[in-house]
Amino acid sequence: VDVASVLSERIFGAPLKARYSASDQSLLGRRVDLEDEGTQPVILLLSRAAELIFTPEQGKTVELYPMFEYAWLPPEQRRRASWQPTVI
């Protein structure tokens, strides 16, 4: 959502309207609620952001285990995880 918001700002001159909140059930510890006003193609922005982040190639896979490992750790131990999330 952060990357899609940057794309939205660049293309449409306004970031995505999103509310973030903490969540123990979310993979990276935060929940995102998008406000849908129908003025921006949110799905296309999110799809493009996923392509930029994961750079998928035909016949190859994206390894997500490090991200799940990070999410499974108690919050106080996450700084020692082998993988750290990056905000773009």
C-alpha atoms as a PDB file:
ATOM      1  CA  VAL A   1       0.000   0.000   0.000  1.00  0.00           C
ATOM      2  CA  ASP A   2       2.901   2.364   0.726  1.00  0.00           C
ATOM      3  CA  VAL A   3       4.374   1.779  -2.748  1.00  0.00           C
ATOM      4  CA  ALA A   4       0.931   2.073  -4.388  1.00  0.00           C
ATOM      5  CA  SER A   5       0.408   5.353  -2.543  1.00  0.00           C
ATOM      6  CA  VAL A   6       3.703   6.724  -3.892  1.00  0.00           C
ATOM      7  CA  LEU A   7       2.640   5.670  -7.399  1.00  0.00           C
ATOM      8  CA  SER A   8      -0.738   7.347  -6.915  1.00  0.00           C
ATOM      9  CA  GLU A   9       0.952  10.553  -5.797  1.00  0.00           C
ATOM     10  CA  ARG A  10       3.267  10.475  -8.804  1.00  0.00           C
ATOM     11  CA  ILE A  11       0.504   9.707 -11.338  1.00  0.00           C
ATOM     12  CA  PHE A  12      -2.585  11.418  -9.906  1.00  0.00           C
ATOM     13  CA  GLY A  13      -1.044  14.025  -7.626  1.00  0.00           C
ATOM     14  CA  ALA A  14      -2.556  12.538  -4.458  1.00  0.00           C
ATOM     15  CA  PRO A  15      -1.637   9.565  -2.253  1.00  0.00           C
ATOM     16  CA  LEU A  16      -4.067   6.735  -1.566  1.00  0.00           C
ATOM     17  CA  LYS A  17      -6.353   7.481   1.328  1.00  0.00           C
ATOM     18  CA  ALA A  18      -5.428   4.773   3.797  1.00  0.00           C
ATOM     19  CA  ARG A  19      -5.768   4.325   7.535  1.00  0.00           C
ATOM     20  CA  TYR A  20      -3.161   2.193   9.292  1.00  0.00           C
ATOM     21  CA  SER A  21      -3.678   0.513  12.635  1.00  0.00           C
ATOM     22  CA  ALA A  22      -1.777  -2.062  14.681  1.00  0.00           C
ATOM     23  CA  SER A  23      -2.942  -5.652  14.313  1.00  0.00           C
ATOM     24  CA  ASP A  24      -1.628  -8.864  15.846  1.00  0.00           C
ATOM     25  CA  GLN A  25      -3.344 -10.816  13.063  1.00  0.00           C
ATOM     26  CA  SER A  26      -1.584  -9.043  10.190  1.00  0.00           C
ATOM     27  CA  LEU A  27       1.578 -10.424   8.672  1.00  0.00           C
ATOM     28  CA  LEU A  28       3.616  -7.264   9.264  1.00  0.00           C
ATOM     29  CA  GLY A  29       1.722  -6.117  12.337  1.00  0.00           C
ATOM     30  CA  ARG A  30      -0.463  -3.456  10.787  1.00  0.00           C
ATOM     31  CA  ARG A  31      -3.877  -3.355   9.201  1.00  0.00           C
ATOM     32  CA  VAL A  32      -4.667  -1.082   6.255  1.00  0.00           C
ATOM     33  CA  ASP A  33      -8.122   0.259   5.485  1.00  0.00           C
ATOM     34  CA  LEU A  34      -8.454   1.978   2.116  1.00  0.00           C
ATOM     35  CA  GLU A  35     -11.068   4.639   1.520  1.00  0.00           C
ATOM     36  CA  ASP A  36     -12.743   3.896  -1.809  1.00  0.00           C
ATOM     37  CA  GLU A  37     -13.894   7.040  -3.526  1.00  0.00           C
ATOM     38  CA  GLY A  38     -13.764   5.577  -7.013  1.00  0.00           C
ATOM     39  CA  THR A  39     -11.434   8.347  -8.178  1.00  0.00           C
ATOM     40  CA  GLN A  40      -8.311   6.216  -8.513  1.00  0.00           C
ATOM     41  CA  PRO A  41      -7.824   2.702  -9.905  1.00  0.00           C
ATOM     42  CA  VAL A  42      -6.685   1.282  -6.550  1.00  0.00           C
ATOM     43  CA  ILE A  43      -6.480  -2.354  -7.720  1.00  0.00           C
ATOM     44  CA  LEU A  44      -4.215  -1.391 -10.619  1.00  0.00           C
ATOM     45  CA  LEU A  45      -1.993   0.648  -8.308  1.00  0.00           C
ATOM     46  CA  LEU A  46      -1.741  -2.237  -5.811  1.00  0.00           C
ATOM     47  CA  SER A  47      -1.033  -4.743  -8.617  1.00  0.00           C
ATOM     48  CA  ARG A  48       1.726  -2.556 -10.045  1.00  0.00           C
ATOM     49  CA  ALA A  49       3.218  -2.066  -6.582  1.00  0.00           C
ATOM     50  CA  ALA A  50       3.336  -5.868  -6.111  1.00  0.00           C
ATOM     51  CA  GLU A  51       5.101  -6.228  -9.459  1.00  0.00           C
ATOM     52  CA  LEU A  52       7.684  -3.619  -8.457  1.00  0.00           C
ATOM     53  CA  ILE A  53       8.294  -5.217  -5.054  1.00  0.00           C
ATOM     54  CA  PHE A  54       8.430  -8.881  -6.083  1.00  0.00           C
ATOM     55  CA  THR A  55       9.596  -8.486  -9.708  1.00  0.00           C
ATOM     56  CA  PRO A  56       7.970 -11.760 -10.782  1.00  0.00           C
ATOM     57  CA  GLU A  57       9.448 -13.664 -13.688  1.00  0.00           C
ATOM     58  CA  GLN A  58       7.885 -16.552 -15.535  1.00  0.00           C
ATOM     59  CA  GLY A  59       9.105 -19.886 -14.182  1.00  0.00           C
ATOM     60  CA  LYS A  60      10.527 -18.396 -10.957  1.00  0.00           C
ATOM     61  CA  THR A  61       9.164 -18.203  -7.426  1.00  0.00           C
ATOM     62  CA  VAL A  62       9.152 -15.542  -4.717  1.00  0.00           C
ATOM     63  CA  GLU A  63      10.483 -16.763  -1.366  1.00  0.00           C
ATOM     64  CA  LEU A  64       8.170 -15.498   1.368  1.00  0.00           C
ATOM     65  CA  TYR A  65       9.393 -17.626   4.282  1.00  0.00           C
ATOM     66  CA  PRO A  66      11.622 -14.879   5.772  1.00  0.00           C
ATOM     67  CA  MET A  67       8.617 -12.561   5.952  1.00  0.00           C
ATOM     68  CA  PHE A  68       6.524 -15.220   7.710  1.00  0.00           C
ATOM     69  CA  GLU A  69       9.427 -15.971  10.058  1.00  0.00           C
ATOM     70  CA  TYR A  70       9.511 -12.287  10.993  1.00  0.00           C
ATOM     71  CA  ALA A  71       5.741 -12.226  11.624  1.00  0.00           C
ATOM     72  CA  TRP A  72       5.894 -15.306  13.866  1.00  0.00           C
ATOM     73  CA  LEU A  73       8.470 -13.779  16.184  1.00  0.00           C
ATOM     74  CA  PRO A  74       7.264 -11.933  19.268  1.00  0.00           C
ATOM     75  CA  PRO A  75       7.497  -8.157  18.665  1.00  0.00           C
ATOM     76  CA  GLU A  76      10.379  -7.738  21.133  1.00  0.00           C
ATOM     77  CA  GLN A  77      12.517 -10.238  19.137  1.00  0.00           C
ATOM     78  CA  ARG A  78      11.841  -8.897  15.627  1.00  0.00           C
ATOM     79  CA  ARG A  79      14.920  -6.668  15.561  1.00  0.00           C
ATOM     80  CA  ARG A  80      17.033  -9.843  15.588  1.00  0.00           C
ATOM     81  CA  ALA A  81      15.150 -11.458  12.665  1.00  0.00           C
ATOM     82  CA  SER A  82      17.100 -12.428   9.555  1.00  0.00           C
ATOM     83  CA  TRP A  83      14.706 -10.355   7.479  1.00  0.00           C
ATOM     84  CA  GLN A  84      13.626  -6.797   8.189  1.00  0.00           C
ATOM     85  CA  PRO A  85      10.734  -5.057   6.403  1.00  0.00           C
ATOM     86  CA  THR A  86      11.574  -2.041   4.302  1.00  0.00           C
ATOM     87  CA  VAL A  87       9.289   0.950   3.876  1.00  0.00           C
ATOM     88  CA  ILE A  88       9.604   2.482   0.447  1.00  0.00           C
END
